[in-house]
Amino acid sequence: MTIDSERSTPPEGDGPKAEPEEDSSRAADDAEPAGVEDRAEPAGAEDGAAPFGRPGRPLDRRSPFFVGMTGAAGVAVTYGLIQVIIAARSVLILIGLALFIAAGLDPLVTWLTRRRLPRWAAVTVVIVGTLGVIAGFLTIAIPPLASQATALADRLPHYAHNLQDHSSQLGKLNDRFHIQQKLTGFLSGGGTSVVGGVLGAGKMVLTAATSLLVVIVLAIYFLAGMPAIKNLLYRLAPRSRRPRMILISEDIFTKVGGFVLGNIITSLIAGAGTYIWLLIFGIPYALVLALFVAFMDMIPVIGSTIGGIVVSLIALTVSLPVAIATGVFYVAYRQAEDYFLIPKIMGKAVEVPAVVTVLATLIGGALLGIIGALIAIPVAAAIRLLLNEIALPRLDRS
């Protein structure tokens, strides 16, 4: 009991210890309110994280003002992109054609790289070989082509006289279809002067030459950088879907390459067959017409038909039986090309039904002219592949 009482009773010397508590209470009374301190130094001011205070509540994205502004901005951006595409339409067509040619030549480069040839060397071999073949062909073809074109120009007055002769075959056709009147209206251009027509023709030739040069240069660059272009396209897909996208894209590039190479081979066969036929029957301007048919045959469906009609009309200058035989020859060739040459040369590279081929060619020609008709079938093949691999399976599962 004595010990407990001593502990409970503080000693006399401990009395002054109560003064610090009184001082602390006075300091608390003299301190500023908490709100004043918060307004003077906002939270985070010491470390510089938020020197202007904490941000307020975000805007309500469901408000009518925000929704309207977002919709208006989307419409404005879309309209601007459409105007840019329309303004750069001609340039975009050249870029697409160059990429199409590069994709067609890429299988040759890939075949050479598989033979342990570096990529740059394979691209150089393909480019030099292609340009060499074109240059050699032009060197051989230009002299007779120029002479035949000159002869054709010299014979034009004679053909004009035959059009006026009602007893000749051309005269009878002129009386029935008014060929001379239509040609006169076409050449006059609705009252355009001859000088303007010549200047317009010169401008068209210059534009065509410039466009051809641009396409060749772009095709070389695209062919050299094709792996990088493919990798960029593949990275645009999510990582989980990237392997499937790579397989589908490679199949599309294979179809494009097979179509380009197969189309070139069939066009050369059409031109060679036309040249031999014209030489056998003595039809004039054989080389000019053979080149025309080879070029037109690159256009699917309608190209060889147009070429055959033009050659048959020229064959009328020899005799009517020769013209009829020439027309039958092109009908037979068209059947052989559709059912024998194309399946054997292209194989399964382009699997497009006949109806889709006709529709794609007509739509492509209406949209982009000759270039649209050239690329219509591979584009249709790519769309058909995407439908079979992506769209239709999803629709079947839904």
Protein backbone atom coordinates (compact mmCIF):
# COMPACT_ATOMS: atom_id res chain seq x y z
CA MET A 1 0.00 0.00 0.00
CA THR A 2 2.83 2.37 0.81
CA ILE A 3 4.48 1.80 -2.52
CA ASP A 4 1.24 2.27 -4.51
CA SER A 5 0.40 5.46 -2.75
CA GLU A 6 3.82 6.84 -3.46
CA ARG A 7 3.47 6.06 -7.11
CA SER A 8 0.01 7.61 -7.42
CA THR A 9 1.13 10.82 -5.65
CA PRO A 10 3.43 12.87 -7.90
CA PRO A 11 6.50 14.29 -6.33
CA GLU A 12 6.77 17.94 -5.54
CA GLY A 13 9.40 18.57 -8.17
CA ASP A 14 7.14 17.53 -11.02
CA GLY A 15 4.71 20.41 -10.78
CA PRO A 16 6.20 22.72 -13.44
CA LYS A 17 5.66 20.06 -16.12
CA ALA A 18 2.08 21.23 -16.71
CA GLU A 19 3.24 24.52 -18.28
CA PRO A 20 4.10 23.06 -21.77
CA GLU A 21 0.52 21.87 -22.15
CA GLU A 22 -0.69 25.40 -21.57
CA ASP A 23 1.79 26.73 -24.17
CA SER A 24 0.67 24.20 -26.75
CA SER A 25 -2.96 25.13 -26.25
CA ARG A 26 -2.08 28.80 -26.69
CA ALA A 27 -0.20 27.96 -29.96
CA ALA A 28 -3.23 26.10 -31.23
CA ASP A 29 -5.44 29.09 -30.43
CA ASP A 30 -3.08 31.51 -32.17
CA ALA A 31 -2.77 29.30 -35.37
CA GLU A 32 -4.66 30.24 -38.58
CA PRO A 33 -7.71 28.27 -39.67
CA ALA A 34 -7.15 25.22 -41.85
CA GLY A 35 -9.11 26.71 -44.75
CA VAL A 36 -6.85 29.75 -44.97
CA GLU A 37 -3.76 27.54 -45.16
CA ASP A 38 -5.34 25.38 -47.89
CA ARG A 39 -6.17 28.45 -49.96
CA ALA A 40 -2.71 29.87 -49.58
CA GLU A 41 -0.84 26.68 -50.59
CA PRO A 42 -2.86 24.19 -52.68
CA ALA A 43 -2.22 20.50 -52.40
CA GLY A 44 0.71 19.39 -54.45
CA ALA A 45 2.31 22.85 -54.63
CA GLU A 46 5.38 21.72 -52.71
CA ASP A 47 6.41 19.11 -55.29
CA GLY A 48 5.12 21.10 -58.32
CA ALA A 49 2.59 18.44 -59.36
CA ALA A 50 -0.42 20.78 -59.56
CA PRO A 51 0.72 24.41 -59.30
CA PHE A 52 -2.69 25.78 -60.34
CA GLY A 53 -4.80 23.56 -58.17
CA ARG A 54 -6.57 20.30 -58.76
CA PRO A 55 -8.54 19.99 -62.03
CA GLY A 56 -12.28 20.01 -61.88
CA ARG A 57 -14.75 17.43 -63.07
CA PRO A 58 -14.39 16.36 -66.73
CA LEU A 59 -16.92 17.46 -69.31
CA ASP A 60 -20.01 15.38 -69.69
CA ARG A 61 -19.56 13.61 -72.99
CA ARG A 62 -23.26 12.83 -73.10
CA SER A 63 -24.28 16.46 -73.13
CA PRO A 64 -26.02 17.67 -76.33
CA PHE A 65 -23.32 20.28 -76.94
CA PHE A 66 -20.47 17.80 -76.76
CA VAL A 67 -22.30 15.24 -78.92
CA GLY A 68 -23.14 17.87 -81.53
CA MET A 69 -19.60 19.22 -81.69
CA THR A 70 -18.17 15.70 -82.01
CA GLY A 71 -20.59 14.83 -84.82
CA ALA A 72 -19.89 18.09 -86.65
CA ALA A 73 -16.12 17.54 -86.39
CA GLY A 74 -16.48 14.01 -87.74
CA VAL A 75 -18.52 15.21 -90.72
CA ALA A 76 -16.01 18.00 -91.43
CA VAL A 77 -13.03 15.62 -91.33
CA THR A 78 -14.79 13.09 -93.57
CA TYR A 79 -15.74 15.78 -96.07
CA GLY A 80 -12.18 17.10 -96.10
CA LEU A 81 -10.76 13.61 -96.74
CA ILE A 82 -13.19 13.09 -99.61
CA GLN A 83 -12.19 16.42 -101.17
CA VAL A 84 -8.50 15.50 -100.84
CA ILE A 85 -9.10 12.14 -102.52
CA ILE A 86 -11.03 13.80 -105.36
CA ALA A 87 -8.33 16.43 -105.86
CA ALA A 88 -5.53 13.83 -105.86
CA ARG A 89 -7.49 11.25 -107.85
CA SER A 90 -5.11 11.14 -110.81
CA VAL A 91 -2.06 10.81 -108.58
CA LEU A 92 -3.69 8.10 -106.48
CA ILE A 93 -4.52 6.16 -109.66
CA LEU A 94 -0.86 6.26 -110.72
CA ILE A 95 0.25 5.15 -107.26
CA GLY A 96 -2.25 2.28 -107.29
CA LEU A 97 -1.13 1.21 -110.78
CA ALA A 98 2.53 1.27 -109.74
CA LEU A 99 1.76 -0.79 -106.64
CA PHE A 100 -0.23 -3.21 -108.80
CA ILE A 101 2.72 -3.67 -111.19
CA ALA A 102 5.13 -4.09 -108.28
CA ALA A 103 2.88 -6.74 -106.73
CA GLY A 104 2.79 -8.51 -110.10
CA LEU A 105 6.60 -8.58 -110.39
CA ASP A 106 7.17 -9.48 -106.74
CA PRO A 107 6.70 -13.27 -107.32
CA LEU A 108 9.70 -13.22 -109.68
CA VAL A 109 11.78 -11.44 -107.03
CA THR A 110 10.62 -13.92 -104.39
CA TRP A 111 11.51 -16.83 -106.68
CA LEU A 112 15.03 -15.44 -107.13
CA THR A 113 15.51 -14.82 -103.41
CA ARG A 114 14.62 -18.45 -102.73
CA ARG A 115 17.59 -19.35 -104.97
CA ARG A 116 19.87 -17.66 -102.40
CA LEU A 117 20.04 -14.36 -104.26
CA PRO A 118 19.99 -11.18 -102.14
CA ARG A 119 16.86 -9.08 -102.31
CA TRP A 120 18.58 -6.08 -103.90
CA ALA A 121 20.20 -8.28 -106.54
CA ALA A 122 16.89 -10.00 -107.33
CA VAL A 123 15.12 -6.65 -107.71
CA THR A 124 17.91 -5.40 -109.97
CA VAL A 125 17.75 -8.51 -112.15
CA VAL A 126 13.96 -8.25 -112.55
CA ILE A 127 14.00 -4.51 -113.29
CA VAL A 128 16.91 -4.69 -115.74
CA GLY A 129 15.39 -7.73 -117.44
CA THR A 130 11.97 -6.12 -117.80
CA LEU A 131 13.38 -2.84 -119.13
CA GLY A 132 15.71 -4.76 -121.44
CA VAL A 133 12.85 -6.75 -122.93
CA ILE A 134 10.81 -3.57 -123.48
CA ALA A 135 13.76 -1.73 -125.02
CA GLY A 136 14.65 -4.63 -127.29
CA PHE A 137 11.07 -4.98 -128.43
CA LEU A 138 10.78 -1.27 -129.20
CA THR A 139 14.10 -1.31 -131.07
CA ILE A 140 12.85 -4.09 -133.30
CA ALA A 141 9.28 -2.85 -133.65
CA ILE A 142 9.69 0.92 -134.08
CA PRO A 143 11.14 0.99 -137.65
CA PRO A 144 8.43 -1.20 -139.25
CA LEU A 145 5.84 0.38 -136.97
CA ALA A 146 6.78 3.85 -138.19
CA SER A 147 6.74 2.79 -141.83
CA GLN A 148 3.35 1.10 -141.48
CA ALA A 149 1.93 4.10 -139.62
CA THR A 150 3.17 6.36 -142.41
CA ALA A 151 1.63 4.07 -145.01
CA LEU A 152 -1.64 4.11 -143.10
CA ALA A 153 -1.62 7.91 -143.04
CA ASP A 154 -0.94 7.99 -146.77
CA ARG A 155 -3.82 5.60 -147.45
CA LEU A 156 -6.36 7.56 -145.44
CA PRO A 157 -7.46 9.69 -148.45
CA HIS A 158 -7.99 6.49 -150.43
CA TYR A 159 -10.15 5.08 -147.63
CA ALA A 160 -12.08 8.35 -147.54
CA HIS A 161 -12.71 8.03 -151.27
CA ASN A 162 -13.92 4.44 -150.77
CA LEU A 163 -16.36 5.69 -148.17
CA GLN A 164 -17.91 7.91 -150.85
CA ASP A 165 -18.04 5.00 -153.33
CA HIS A 166 -21.47 3.44 -152.81
CA SER A 167 -20.48 0.27 -154.68
CA SER A 168 -17.59 -0.66 -152.36
CA GLN A 169 -17.91 -2.49 -149.06
CA LEU A 170 -16.79 0.57 -147.09
CA GLY A 171 -19.27 2.72 -149.02
CA LYS A 172 -22.14 0.38 -148.18
CA LEU A 173 -21.15 0.40 -144.51
CA ASN A 174 -20.94 4.20 -144.64
CA ASP A 175 -24.41 4.46 -146.12
CA ARG A 176 -25.81 2.22 -143.41
CA PHE A 177 -23.98 3.41 -140.29
CA HIS A 178 -22.91 6.96 -141.33
CA ILE A 179 -19.27 6.29 -140.49
CA GLN A 180 -17.86 9.35 -142.23
CA GLN A 181 -20.26 11.72 -140.49
CA LYS A 182 -19.41 10.31 -137.08
CA LEU A 183 -15.67 10.45 -137.74
CA THR A 184 -15.93 14.04 -138.94
CA GLY A 185 -17.84 15.06 -135.82
CA PHE A 186 -15.35 13.24 -133.59
CA LEU A 187 -12.29 14.79 -135.22
CA SER A 188 -13.75 18.28 -135.34
CA GLY A 189 -14.51 18.12 -131.64
CA GLY A 190 -17.68 20.12 -131.94
CA GLY A 191 -16.14 23.05 -133.82
CA THR A 192 -12.65 22.96 -132.26
CA SER A 193 -9.92 24.29 -134.51
CA VAL A 194 -7.25 22.06 -136.00
CA VAL A 195 -4.52 23.90 -134.11
CA GLY A 196 -6.32 23.34 -130.84
CA GLY A 197 -6.72 19.68 -131.68
CA VAL A 198 -3.01 19.33 -132.41
CA LEU A 199 -2.09 21.12 -129.20
CA GLY A 200 -4.50 18.95 -127.27
CA ALA A 201 -3.00 15.83 -128.79
CA GLY A 202 0.51 17.02 -127.92
CA LYS A 203 -0.53 17.76 -124.36
CA MET A 204 -2.12 14.32 -124.09
CA VAL A 205 1.05 12.62 -125.35
CA LEU A 206 3.21 14.61 -122.93
CA THR A 207 0.91 13.80 -120.02
CA ALA A 208 0.91 10.12 -120.95
CA ALA A 209 4.72 10.04 -121.16
CA THR A 210 5.06 11.78 -117.78
CA SER A 211 2.55 9.44 -116.18
CA LEU A 212 4.37 6.42 -117.62
CA LEU A 213 7.67 7.64 -116.19
CA VAL A 214 6.10 8.24 -112.78
CA VAL A 215 4.56 4.76 -112.77
CA ILE A 216 7.88 3.12 -113.70
CA VAL A 217 9.82 4.97 -110.98
CA LEU A 218 7.18 4.26 -108.32
CA ALA A 219 6.97 0.60 -109.35
CA ILE A 220 10.75 0.25 -108.89
CA TYR A 221 10.61 1.82 -105.43
CA PHE A 222 7.59 -0.28 -104.42
CA LEU A 223 9.25 -3.46 -105.66
CA ALA A 224 12.43 -2.70 -103.74
CA GLY A 225 10.53 -1.91 -100.54
CA MET A 226 7.80 -4.55 -100.82
CA PRO A 227 8.81 -6.42 -97.60
CA ALA A 228 8.69 -3.18 -95.60
CA ILE A 229 5.32 -2.28 -97.14
CA LYS A 230 3.93 -5.68 -96.23
CA ASN A 231 5.24 -5.47 -92.67
CA LEU A 232 3.61 -2.05 -92.25
CA LEU A 233 0.28 -3.41 -93.46
CA TYR A 234 0.56 -6.41 -91.15
CA ARG A 235 1.29 -4.25 -88.09
CA LEU A 236 -1.97 -2.36 -88.63
CA ALA A 237 -3.82 -5.49 -87.51
CA PRO A 238 -4.15 -6.42 -83.81
CA ARG A 239 -1.51 -8.82 -82.56
CA SER A 240 -4.00 -11.61 -81.95
CA ARG A 241 -5.27 -11.44 -85.56
CA ARG A 242 -1.95 -10.71 -87.23
CA PRO A 243 -1.06 -14.31 -88.27
CA ARG A 244 -4.38 -14.74 -90.06
CA MET A 245 -4.03 -11.36 -91.74
CA ILE A 246 -0.55 -12.32 -92.97
CA LEU A 247 -1.85 -15.53 -94.55
CA ILE A 248 -4.78 -13.75 -96.24
CA SER A 249 -2.61 -10.88 -97.49
CA GLU A 250 0.00 -13.22 -98.91
CA ASP A 251 -2.74 -15.09 -100.75
CA ILE A 252 -4.02 -11.80 -102.20
CA PHE A 253 -0.52 -10.80 -103.35
CA THR A 254 -0.14 -14.24 -104.95
CA LYS A 255 -3.40 -13.77 -106.85
CA VAL A 256 -2.35 -10.33 -108.08
CA GLY A 257 1.04 -11.58 -109.21
CA GLY A 258 -0.44 -14.60 -110.98
CA PHE A 259 -2.97 -12.44 -112.78
CA VAL A 260 -0.39 -9.89 -113.96
CA LEU A 261 2.05 -12.48 -115.30
CA GLY A 262 -0.71 -14.58 -116.83
CA ASN A 263 -2.31 -11.55 -118.45
CA ILE A 264 1.00 -10.51 -120.02
CA ILE A 265 1.55 -14.00 -121.44
CA THR A 266 -1.95 -14.27 -122.92
CA SER A 267 -1.63 -10.78 -124.43
CA LEU A 268 1.65 -11.73 -126.11
CA ILE A 269 0.01 -14.87 -127.49
CA ALA A 270 -2.90 -12.80 -128.85
CA GLY A 271 -0.53 -10.32 -130.51
CA ALA A 272 1.62 -13.07 -132.04
CA GLY A 273 -1.45 -14.93 -133.34
CA THR A 274 -2.83 -11.74 -134.86
CA TYR A 275 0.49 -10.98 -136.57
CA ILE A 276 0.72 -14.46 -138.12
CA TRP A 277 -2.91 -14.36 -139.28
CA LEU A 278 -2.53 -10.96 -140.92
CA LEU A 279 0.65 -12.01 -142.70
CA ILE A 280 -0.99 -15.17 -144.05
CA PHE A 281 -3.97 -13.34 -145.54
CA GLY A 282 -2.04 -10.26 -146.65
CA ILE A 283 -3.93 -7.81 -144.42
CA PRO A 284 -1.99 -4.53 -144.25
CA TYR A 285 -0.41 -2.96 -141.14
CA ALA A 286 0.16 -6.33 -139.50
CA LEU A 287 2.58 -5.12 -136.84
CA VAL A 288 0.53 -2.09 -135.86
CA LEU A 289 -2.64 -4.15 -135.55
CA ALA A 290 -0.83 -6.94 -133.66
CA LEU A 291 0.44 -4.45 -131.08
CA PHE A 292 -3.03 -2.95 -130.80
CA VAL A 293 -4.60 -6.38 -130.20
CA ALA A 294 -1.90 -7.30 -127.64
CA PHE A 295 -2.55 -4.10 -125.72
CA MET A 296 -6.32 -4.45 -125.87
CA ASP A 297 -6.16 -8.09 -124.78
CA MET A 298 -4.83 -6.97 -121.40
CA ILE A 299 -8.32 -5.63 -120.71
CA PRO A 300 -10.38 -8.65 -119.62
CA VAL A 301 -13.58 -9.68 -121.36
CA ILE A 302 -13.95 -6.78 -123.79
CA GLY A 303 -10.36 -6.07 -124.86
CA SER A 304 -9.87 -8.90 -127.35
CA THR A 305 -13.39 -8.34 -128.71
CA ILE A 306 -12.66 -4.67 -129.50
CA GLY A 307 -9.34 -5.61 -131.07
CA GLY A 308 -10.99 -8.27 -133.23
CA ILE A 309 -13.64 -5.83 -134.48
CA VAL A 310 -11.02 -3.24 -135.49
CA VAL A 311 -8.86 -5.83 -137.29
CA SER A 312 -11.92 -7.25 -139.07
CA LEU A 313 -12.84 -3.76 -140.32
CA ILE A 314 -9.30 -3.28 -141.65
CA ALA A 315 -9.58 -6.69 -143.32
CA LEU A 316 -12.50 -5.33 -145.35
CA THR A 317 -9.92 -3.47 -147.45
CA VAL A 318 -8.77 -6.89 -148.73
CA SER A 319 -12.12 -8.60 -149.28
CA LEU A 320 -15.34 -9.44 -147.52
CA PRO A 321 -14.53 -13.18 -147.14
CA VAL A 322 -11.20 -12.30 -145.49
CA ALA A 323 -12.99 -9.96 -143.07
CA ILE A 324 -15.53 -12.65 -142.19
CA ALA A 325 -12.76 -15.21 -141.71
CA THR A 326 -10.88 -12.75 -139.47
CA GLY A 327 -13.98 -12.25 -137.32
CA VAL A 328 -14.42 -16.02 -136.98
CA PHE A 329 -10.74 -16.31 -136.04
CA TYR A 330 -11.14 -13.88 -133.16
CA VAL A 331 -14.30 -15.57 -131.91
CA ALA A 332 -12.46 -18.90 -131.89
CA TYR A 333 -9.43 -17.37 -130.22
CA ARG A 334 -11.59 -15.81 -127.54
CA GLN A 335 -13.10 -19.19 -126.72
CA ALA A 336 -9.67 -20.82 -126.63
CA GLU A 337 -8.31 -18.09 -124.38
CA ASP A 338 -11.20 -18.29 -121.91
CA TYR A 339 -11.41 -22.07 -121.64
CA PHE A 340 -7.84 -23.23 -122.32
CA LEU A 341 -5.14 -20.55 -122.06
CA ILE A 342 -6.28 -18.74 -118.94
CA PRO A 343 -6.93 -21.93 -116.89
CA LYS A 344 -3.58 -23.40 -117.96
CA ILE A 345 -1.48 -20.25 -117.50
CA MET A 346 -3.07 -18.68 -114.45
CA GLY A 347 -4.18 -21.92 -112.87
CA LYS A 348 -5.85 -21.32 -109.51
CA ALA A 349 -4.17 -17.97 -108.96
CA VAL A 350 -7.39 -16.09 -109.80
CA GLU A 351 -10.59 -17.94 -108.94
CA VAL A 352 -13.31 -15.58 -110.11
CA PRO A 353 -16.58 -16.76 -111.71
CA ALA A 354 -17.35 -15.59 -115.23
CA VAL A 355 -20.28 -13.41 -114.14
CA VAL A 356 -18.16 -11.66 -111.50
CA THR A 357 -15.42 -11.14 -114.10
CA VAL A 358 -17.80 -9.36 -116.48
CA LEU A 359 -19.36 -7.21 -113.76
CA ALA A 360 -16.01 -6.31 -112.21
CA THR A 361 -14.57 -5.32 -115.58
CA LEU A 362 -17.56 -3.13 -116.44
CA ILE A 363 -17.59 -1.42 -113.04
CA GLY A 364 -13.81 -0.92 -113.03
CA GLY A 365 -13.90 0.53 -116.54
CA ALA A 366 -16.72 2.89 -115.61
CA LEU A 367 -14.88 4.13 -112.50
CA LEU A 368 -11.25 4.33 -113.63
CA GLY A 369 -11.26 3.72 -117.37
CA ILE A 370 -8.69 1.34 -118.85
CA ILE A 371 -6.73 1.16 -115.59
CA GLY A 372 -9.87 0.19 -113.70
CA ALA A 373 -10.60 -2.56 -116.22
CA LEU A 374 -7.02 -3.86 -115.89
CA ILE A 375 -7.11 -4.21 -112.10
CA ALA A 376 -10.78 -5.22 -111.83
CA ILE A 377 -10.28 -9.00 -111.76
CA PRO A 378 -7.56 -9.14 -109.05
CA VAL A 379 -9.56 -6.68 -106.95
CA ALA A 380 -12.64 -8.89 -107.37
CA ALA A 381 -10.54 -11.94 -106.42
CA ALA A 382 -9.32 -10.17 -103.26
CA ILE A 383 -12.87 -9.16 -102.29
CA ARG A 384 -14.09 -12.70 -102.89
CA LEU A 385 -11.32 -14.09 -100.68
CA LEU A 386 -12.14 -11.65 -97.87
CA LEU A 387 -15.82 -12.55 -98.07
CA ASN A 388 -15.12 -16.28 -97.93
CA GLU A 389 -12.61 -16.05 -95.10
CA ILE A 390 -14.02 -13.28 -92.89
CA ALA A 391 -17.52 -12.03 -93.66
CA LEU A 392 -19.39 -15.24 -94.57
CA PRO A 393 -18.14 -17.32 -91.60
CA ARG A 394 -19.25 -14.59 -89.20
CA LEU A 395 -22.66 -14.43 -90.82
CA ASP A 396 -22.99 -18.21 -90.60
CA ARG A 397 -22.19 -18.12 -86.86
CA SER A 398 -24.61 -15.29 -86.08
